[in-house]
Amino acid sequence: MDALYTAAATANGREGRAVSSDGQLDLPLAMPPALGGNGKGTNPEQLFAAGYAACFASAMAAVGRELKLDTKDASVTAEVSIGKDGDGFGLAVIMRVELPDALAGETGQKLVEATHAYCPYSKATRGNIDVELVIE
């Protein structure tokens, strides 16, 4: 791969801070209440969900342009779950893609599947974690 951009961030665990090298991201981190924390900060699952949703939506716009489809009224919600997986923990994702009526049915299904094949986050997760695509 020929890198076009590299992001860098430093964190010191789930109870601390995450800071990007350019200072644009500077967030307190906290365990969510479901995992025994106080929830007074963001967590890696929320950050991953936000990144994946944004990337998938942008990828869908690119694929839509290629297919001559208007995706401006589409939105993507990524639900990232963490749970026990053998001796450690694992992740699973549900990608909820809300499409306008004009993209309903087979057209929307083909768009979402093509986006999943194109999106860098989808490529990174493929074969590593379960990703379920839900069209709404």
N, C-alpha and C. Protein backbone atom coordinates (compact mmCIF):
# COMPACT_ATOMS: atom_id res chain seq x y z
N MET A 1 0.85 -1.18 0.00
CA MET A 1 0.00 0.00 0.00
C MET A 1 0.89 1.24 0.00
N ASP A 2 0.48 2.21 -0.77
CA ASP A 2 1.16 3.50 -0.81
C ASP A 2 0.34 4.47 0.04
N ALA A 3 0.81 4.78 1.25
CA ALA A 3 0.04 5.61 2.19
C ALA A 3 -0.15 7.03 1.65
N LEU A 4 -1.40 7.49 1.67
CA LEU A 4 -1.72 8.87 1.30
C LEU A 4 -1.82 9.77 2.53
N TYR A 5 -2.11 9.16 3.68
CA TYR A 5 -2.26 9.89 4.94
C TYR A 5 -2.06 8.90 6.07
N THR A 6 -1.45 9.34 7.14
CA THR A 6 -1.28 8.51 8.33
C THR A 6 -1.76 9.30 9.54
N ALA A 7 -2.68 8.72 10.29
CA ALA A 7 -3.15 9.32 11.53
C ALA A 7 -2.41 8.65 12.67
N ALA A 8 -2.11 9.42 13.70
CA ALA A 8 -1.45 8.86 14.88
C ALA A 8 -2.14 9.40 16.13
N ALA A 9 -2.38 8.51 17.07
CA ALA A 9 -3.00 8.89 18.34
C ALA A 9 -2.34 8.07 19.44
N THR A 10 -2.29 8.66 20.62
CA THR A 10 -1.71 8.00 21.78
C THR A 10 -2.76 7.90 22.87
N ALA A 11 -2.83 6.73 23.50
CA ALA A 11 -3.75 6.52 24.61
C ALA A 11 -3.02 5.75 25.70
N ASN A 12 -3.52 5.88 26.92
CA ASN A 12 -2.89 5.18 28.04
C ASN A 12 -3.86 4.23 28.72
N GLY A 13 -4.77 3.65 27.96
CA GLY A 13 -5.70 2.67 28.50
C GLY A 13 -7.13 3.15 28.46
N ARG A 14 -8.03 2.30 28.93
CA ARG A 14 -9.46 2.62 28.90
C ARG A 14 -9.85 3.67 29.93
N GLU A 15 -9.01 3.94 30.89
CA GLU A 15 -9.26 4.99 31.89
C GLU A 15 -8.13 6.00 31.75
N GLY A 16 -8.31 6.99 30.92
CA GLY A 16 -7.24 7.97 30.68
C GLY A 16 -7.65 8.94 29.61
N ARG A 17 -6.76 9.13 28.63
CA ARG A 17 -7.01 10.06 27.53
C ARG A 17 -6.55 9.44 26.23
N ALA A 18 -7.14 9.91 25.14
CA ALA A 18 -6.69 9.61 23.78
C ALA A 18 -6.43 10.95 23.11
N VAL A 19 -5.25 11.09 22.55
CA VAL A 19 -4.85 12.37 21.95
C VAL A 19 -4.21 12.09 20.59
N SER A 20 -4.67 12.80 19.56
CA SER A 20 -4.06 12.66 18.24
C SER A 20 -2.80 13.50 18.16
N SER A 21 -1.92 13.13 17.25
CA SER A 21 -0.64 13.83 17.12
C SER A 21 -0.81 15.30 16.74
N ASP A 22 -1.91 15.64 16.06
CA ASP A 22 -2.14 17.04 15.67
C ASP A 22 -3.01 17.80 16.68
N GLY A 23 -3.44 17.12 17.75
CA GLY A 23 -4.23 17.76 18.79
C GLY A 23 -5.71 17.93 18.46
N GLN A 24 -6.16 17.52 17.27
CA GLN A 24 -7.57 17.67 16.89
C GLN A 24 -8.47 16.75 17.71
N LEU A 25 -7.93 15.64 18.17
CA LEU A 25 -8.67 14.71 19.01
C LEU A 25 -8.00 14.70 20.38
N ASP A 26 -8.75 15.00 21.40
CA ASP A 26 -8.23 14.98 22.77
C ASP A 26 -9.42 14.65 23.67
N LEU A 27 -9.56 13.37 24.01
CA LEU A 27 -10.75 12.90 24.69
C LEU A 27 -10.44 12.13 25.96
N PRO A 28 -11.27 12.33 26.99
CA PRO A 28 -11.14 11.46 28.16
C PRO A 28 -11.70 10.08 27.81
N LEU A 29 -11.07 9.04 28.34
CA LEU A 29 -11.52 7.67 28.14
C LEU A 29 -12.02 7.11 29.45
N ALA A 30 -13.07 6.32 29.37
CA ALA A 30 -13.61 5.67 30.57
C ALA A 30 -14.30 4.37 30.17
N MET A 31 -14.26 3.42 31.06
CA MET A 31 -14.99 2.18 30.84
C MET A 31 -16.48 2.49 30.86
N PRO A 32 -17.25 1.86 29.95
CA PRO A 32 -18.70 2.05 29.99
C PRO A 32 -19.28 1.35 31.22
N PRO A 33 -20.41 1.82 31.71
CA PRO A 33 -21.04 1.18 32.86
C PRO A 33 -21.26 -0.33 32.68
N ALA A 34 -21.57 -0.76 31.45
CA ALA A 34 -21.81 -2.18 31.19
C ALA A 34 -20.57 -3.03 31.47
N LEU A 35 -19.39 -2.39 31.47
CA LEU A 35 -18.14 -3.11 31.76
C LEU A 35 -17.59 -2.74 33.13
N GLY A 36 -18.42 -2.10 33.94
CA GLY A 36 -18.00 -1.79 35.31
C GLY A 36 -17.42 -0.41 35.52
N GLY A 37 -17.45 0.44 34.50
CA GLY A 37 -16.89 1.78 34.63
C GLY A 37 -17.95 2.82 34.95
N ASN A 38 -17.49 4.08 35.01
CA ASN A 38 -18.42 5.17 35.31
C ASN A 38 -19.00 5.82 34.06
N GLY A 39 -18.45 5.50 32.88
CA GLY A 39 -18.99 6.03 31.63
C GLY A 39 -18.74 7.51 31.42
N LYS A 40 -17.84 8.12 32.18
CA LYS A 40 -17.60 9.57 32.07
C LYS A 40 -16.48 9.87 31.07
N GLY A 41 -16.58 9.27 29.94
CA GLY A 41 -15.63 9.46 28.85
C GLY A 41 -16.02 8.54 27.72
N THR A 42 -15.36 8.68 26.60
CA THR A 42 -15.64 7.78 25.49
C THR A 42 -14.87 6.49 25.68
N ASN A 43 -15.04 5.56 24.78
CA ASN A 43 -14.33 4.29 24.89
C ASN A 43 -13.94 3.83 23.49
N PRO A 44 -13.04 2.85 23.40
CA PRO A 44 -12.57 2.41 22.09
C PRO A 44 -13.68 1.93 21.15
N GLU A 45 -14.72 1.32 21.70
CA GLU A 45 -15.80 0.83 20.86
C GLU A 45 -16.56 2.00 20.21
N GLN A 46 -16.79 3.07 20.95
CA GLN A 46 -17.44 4.25 20.38
C GLN A 46 -16.57 4.89 19.31
N LEU A 47 -15.27 4.97 19.57
CA LEU A 47 -14.36 5.56 18.59
C LEU A 47 -14.32 4.72 17.31
N PHE A 48 -14.28 3.41 17.46
CA PHE A 48 -14.28 2.52 16.31
C PHE A 48 -15.59 2.64 15.54
N ALA A 49 -16.72 2.70 16.28
CA ALA A 49 -18.03 2.85 15.64
C ALA A 49 -18.10 4.14 14.83
N ALA A 50 -17.63 5.23 15.39
CA ALA A 50 -17.67 6.52 14.69
C ALA A 50 -16.80 6.49 13.44
N GLY A 51 -15.60 5.93 13.57
CA GLY A 51 -14.71 5.84 12.42
C GLY A 51 -15.25 4.96 11.32
N TYR A 52 -15.77 3.80 11.71
CA TYR A 52 -16.30 2.86 10.72
C TYR A 52 -17.52 3.44 10.03
N ALA A 53 -18.43 4.05 10.78
CA ALA A 53 -19.64 4.64 10.17
C ALA A 53 -19.26 5.75 9.20
N ALA A 54 -18.34 6.61 9.59
CA ALA A 54 -17.92 7.72 8.71
C ALA A 54 -17.25 7.19 7.46
N CYS A 55 -16.37 6.21 7.61
CA CYS A 55 -15.67 5.64 6.47
C CYS A 55 -16.64 4.95 5.52
N PHE A 56 -17.57 4.16 6.08
CA PHE A 56 -18.54 3.43 5.26
C PHE A 56 -19.43 4.42 4.50
N ALA A 57 -19.87 5.48 5.15
CA ALA A 57 -20.71 6.48 4.49
C ALA A 57 -19.96 7.16 3.34
N SER A 58 -18.69 7.49 3.58
CA SER A 58 -17.88 8.11 2.52
C SER A 58 -17.64 7.13 1.38
N ALA A 59 -17.39 5.87 1.72
CA ALA A 59 -17.20 4.84 0.70
C ALA A 59 -18.47 4.67 -0.12
N MET A 60 -19.63 4.73 0.55
CA MET A 60 -20.91 4.59 -0.15
C MET A 60 -21.12 5.75 -1.12
N ALA A 61 -20.70 6.94 -0.74
CA ALA A 61 -20.81 8.08 -1.65
C ALA A 61 -19.93 7.86 -2.89
N ALA A 62 -18.73 7.35 -2.68
CA ALA A 62 -17.82 7.09 -3.81
C ALA A 62 -18.39 6.00 -4.72
N VAL A 63 -18.88 4.92 -4.13
CA VAL A 63 -19.46 3.84 -4.92
C VAL A 63 -20.73 4.33 -5.62
N GLY A 64 -21.53 5.14 -4.93
CA GLY A 64 -22.74 5.71 -5.53
C GLY A 64 -22.42 6.56 -6.74
N ARG A 65 -21.37 7.38 -6.64
CA ARG A 65 -20.98 8.20 -7.80
C ARG A 65 -20.61 7.30 -8.99
N GLU A 66 -19.87 6.24 -8.69
CA GLU A 66 -19.45 5.31 -9.75
C GLU A 66 -20.66 4.63 -10.40
N LEU A 67 -21.67 4.31 -9.58
CA LEU A 67 -22.88 3.64 -10.10
C LEU A 67 -23.96 4.63 -10.54
N LYS A 68 -23.66 5.92 -10.46
CA LYS A 68 -24.61 6.98 -10.83
C LYS A 68 -25.86 6.95 -9.95
N LEU A 69 -25.64 6.75 -8.61
CA LEU A 69 -26.72 6.72 -7.64
C LEU A 69 -26.54 7.88 -6.66
N ASP A 70 -27.63 8.53 -6.30
CA ASP A 70 -27.60 9.65 -5.35
C ASP A 70 -27.69 9.10 -3.93
N THR A 71 -26.62 9.24 -3.16
CA THR A 71 -26.57 8.72 -1.79
C THR A 71 -26.61 9.82 -0.74
N LYS A 72 -26.88 11.06 -1.14
CA LYS A 72 -26.77 12.18 -0.19
C LYS A 72 -27.73 12.06 1.00
N ASP A 73 -28.84 11.37 0.85
CA ASP A 73 -29.80 11.23 1.95
C ASP A 73 -29.64 9.92 2.72
N ALA A 74 -28.57 9.20 2.45
CA ALA A 74 -28.30 7.94 3.16
C ALA A 74 -27.52 8.25 4.45
N SER A 75 -27.66 7.38 5.42
CA SER A 75 -26.86 7.52 6.64
C SER A 75 -26.46 6.13 7.13
N VAL A 76 -25.39 6.11 7.92
CA VAL A 76 -24.83 4.85 8.40
C VAL A 76 -24.63 4.93 9.90
N THR A 77 -25.09 3.91 10.61
CA THR A 77 -24.86 3.77 12.04
C THR A 77 -24.11 2.47 12.26
N ALA A 78 -22.96 2.54 12.90
CA ALA A 78 -22.20 1.33 13.23
C ALA A 78 -22.43 1.02 14.71
N GLU A 79 -22.85 -0.19 14.98
CA GLU A 79 -23.00 -0.67 16.35
C GLU A 79 -21.86 -1.65 16.62
N VAL A 80 -20.95 -1.26 17.50
CA VAL A 80 -19.80 -2.10 17.81
C VAL A 80 -20.00 -2.72 19.18
N SER A 81 -19.97 -4.04 19.23
CA SER A 81 -20.13 -4.77 20.49
C SER A 81 -18.81 -5.40 20.88
N ILE A 82 -18.58 -5.49 22.19
CA ILE A 82 -17.42 -6.20 22.72
C ILE A 82 -17.94 -7.29 23.64
N GLY A 83 -17.30 -8.43 23.60
CA GLY A 83 -17.73 -9.53 24.45
C GLY A 83 -16.62 -10.55 24.61
N LYS A 84 -16.84 -11.48 25.49
CA LYS A 84 -15.88 -12.55 25.73
C LYS A 84 -15.72 -13.39 24.46
N ASP A 85 -14.49 -13.73 24.17
CA ASP A 85 -14.16 -14.54 23.01
C ASP A 85 -13.01 -15.45 23.39
N GLY A 86 -13.33 -16.67 23.80
CA GLY A 86 -12.29 -17.58 24.28
C GLY A 86 -11.68 -17.05 25.56
N ASP A 87 -10.36 -16.93 25.56
CA ASP A 87 -9.63 -16.44 26.73
C ASP A 87 -9.58 -14.92 26.82
N GLY A 88 -10.04 -14.23 25.80
CA GLY A 88 -9.98 -12.77 25.78
C GLY A 88 -11.31 -12.16 25.39
N PHE A 89 -11.21 -11.10 24.61
CA PHE A 89 -12.39 -10.38 24.16
C PHE A 89 -12.39 -10.28 22.64
N GLY A 90 -13.56 -10.08 22.07
CA GLY A 90 -13.70 -9.91 20.64
C GLY A 90 -14.73 -8.85 20.33
N LEU A 91 -14.76 -8.43 19.09
CA LEU A 91 -15.68 -7.40 18.62
C LEU A 91 -16.63 -7.98 17.57
N ALA A 92 -17.78 -7.36 17.44
CA ALA A 92 -18.74 -7.64 16.38
C ALA A 92 -19.38 -6.31 15.99
N VAL A 93 -19.76 -6.20 14.73
CA VAL A 93 -20.32 -4.94 14.23
C VAL A 93 -21.63 -5.22 13.48
N ILE A 94 -22.60 -4.36 13.72
CA ILE A 94 -23.79 -4.29 12.88
C ILE A 94 -23.75 -2.93 12.20
N MET A 95 -23.73 -2.94 10.86
CA MET A 95 -23.76 -1.70 10.08
C MET A 95 -25.21 -1.49 9.66
N ARG A 96 -25.83 -0.46 10.20
CA ARG A 96 -27.21 -0.12 9.84
C ARG A 96 -27.16 1.01 8.82
N VAL A 97 -27.59 0.69 7.61
CA VAL A 97 -27.55 1.65 6.51
C VAL A 97 -28.98 2.08 6.19
N GLU A 98 -29.23 3.36 6.40
CA GLU A 98 -30.55 3.91 6.11
C GLU A 98 -30.50 4.55 4.72
N LEU A 99 -31.30 4.00 3.83
CA LEU A 99 -31.32 4.48 2.45
C LEU A 99 -32.62 5.19 2.13
N PRO A 100 -32.57 6.19 1.24
CA PRO A 100 -33.81 6.84 0.81
C PRO A 100 -34.63 5.87 -0.03
N ASP A 101 -35.90 6.14 -0.16
CA ASP A 101 -36.82 5.27 -0.91
C ASP A 101 -36.33 4.98 -2.32
N ALA A 102 -35.67 5.95 -2.95
CA ALA A 102 -35.20 5.77 -4.33
C ALA A 102 -34.15 4.66 -4.44
N LEU A 103 -33.53 4.29 -3.32
CA LEU A 103 -32.51 3.24 -3.33
C LEU A 103 -32.99 1.96 -2.66
N ALA A 104 -34.27 1.80 -2.55
CA ALA A 104 -34.83 0.60 -1.90
C ALA A 104 -34.65 -0.62 -2.79
N GLY A 105 -34.75 -1.79 -2.18
CA GLY A 105 -34.74 -3.05 -2.91
C GLY A 105 -33.37 -3.46 -3.41
N GLU A 106 -33.36 -4.07 -4.58
CA GLU A 106 -32.15 -4.66 -5.14
C GLU A 106 -31.06 -3.61 -5.39
N THR A 107 -31.45 -2.41 -5.82
CA THR A 107 -30.47 -1.34 -6.05
C THR A 107 -29.71 -1.02 -4.78
N GLY A 108 -30.43 -0.84 -3.69
CA GLY A 108 -29.80 -0.54 -2.41
C GLY A 108 -28.94 -1.69 -1.91
N GLN A 109 -29.43 -2.91 -2.08
CA GLN A 109 -28.67 -4.09 -1.66
C GLN A 109 -27.33 -4.15 -2.39
N LYS A 110 -27.36 -3.94 -3.71
CA LYS A 110 -26.12 -3.96 -4.50
C LYS A 110 -25.19 -2.83 -4.08
N LEU A 111 -25.74 -1.66 -3.81
CA LEU A 111 -24.94 -0.52 -3.36
C LEU A 111 -24.24 -0.83 -2.05
N VAL A 112 -24.97 -1.35 -1.08
CA VAL A 112 -24.39 -1.63 0.24
C VAL A 112 -23.34 -2.74 0.15
N GLU A 113 -23.61 -3.77 -0.63
CA GLU A 113 -22.64 -4.85 -0.79
C GLU A 113 -21.38 -4.35 -1.49
N ALA A 114 -21.53 -3.52 -2.51
CA ALA A 114 -20.37 -2.95 -3.20
C ALA A 114 -19.58 -2.03 -2.26
N THR A 115 -20.30 -1.30 -1.43
CA THR A 115 -19.63 -0.43 -0.45
C THR A 115 -18.83 -1.26 0.55
N HIS A 116 -19.40 -2.34 1.01
CA HIS A 116 -18.72 -3.21 1.97
C HIS A 116 -17.44 -3.80 1.35
N ALA A 117 -17.46 -4.06 0.06
CA ALA A 117 -16.27 -4.56 -0.62
C ALA A 117 -15.22 -3.47 -0.80
N TYR A 118 -15.64 -2.21 -0.86
CA TYR A 118 -14.78 -1.06 -1.15
C TYR A 118 -14.20 -0.38 0.09
N CYS A 119 -14.97 -0.32 1.16
CA CYS A 119 -14.62 0.45 2.37
C CYS A 119 -13.35 -0.09 3.04
N PRO A 120 -12.37 0.77 3.33
CA PRO A 120 -11.15 0.32 4.00
C PRO A 120 -11.38 -0.33 5.36
N TYR A 121 -12.33 0.16 6.14
CA TYR A 121 -12.63 -0.47 7.43
C TYR A 121 -13.20 -1.87 7.22
N SER A 122 -14.08 -2.01 6.23
CA SER A 122 -14.65 -3.33 5.93
C SER A 122 -13.55 -4.29 5.49
N LYS A 123 -12.63 -3.80 4.68
CA LYS A 123 -11.51 -4.65 4.26
C LYS A 123 -10.67 -5.07 5.47
N ALA A 124 -10.45 -4.15 6.40
CA ALA A 124 -9.62 -4.45 7.57
C ALA A 124 -10.29 -5.46 8.51
N THR A 125 -11.61 -5.42 8.58
CA THR A 125 -12.31 -6.31 9.50
C THR A 125 -12.65 -7.66 8.86
N ARG A 126 -12.66 -7.72 7.54
CA ARG A 126 -13.09 -8.95 6.83
C ARG A 126 -12.26 -10.15 7.29
N GLY A 127 -12.97 -11.19 7.75
CA GLY A 127 -12.30 -12.39 8.21
C GLY A 127 -11.79 -12.29 9.63
N ASN A 128 -11.89 -11.12 10.25
CA ASN A 128 -11.41 -10.91 11.60
C ASN A 128 -12.52 -10.80 12.63
N ILE A 129 -13.59 -10.08 12.26
CA ILE A 129 -14.73 -9.94 13.16
C ILE A 129 -16.01 -10.06 12.33
N ASP A 130 -17.09 -10.42 13.00
CA ASP A 130 -18.38 -10.51 12.32
C ASP A 130 -18.90 -9.10 12.04
N VAL A 131 -19.28 -8.85 10.79
CA VAL A 131 -19.91 -7.59 10.40
C VAL A 131 -21.21 -7.96 9.69
N GLU A 132 -22.31 -7.51 10.28
CA GLU A 132 -23.64 -7.75 9.71
C GLU A 132 -24.13 -6.47 9.05
N LEU A 133 -24.59 -6.57 7.82
CA LEU A 133 -25.14 -5.42 7.10
C LEU A 133 -26.65 -5.45 7.20
N VAL A 134 -27.23 -4.34 7.67
CA VAL A 134 -28.68 -4.21 7.80
C VAL A 134 -29.11 -2.97 7.03
N ILE A 135 -30.00 -3.15 6.08
CA ILE A 135 -30.51 -2.02 5.30
C ILE A 135 -31.87 -1.64 5.85
N GLU A 136 -32.02 -0.37 6.17
CA GLU A 136 -33.28 0.12 6.76
C GLU A 136 -33.92 1.14 5.86
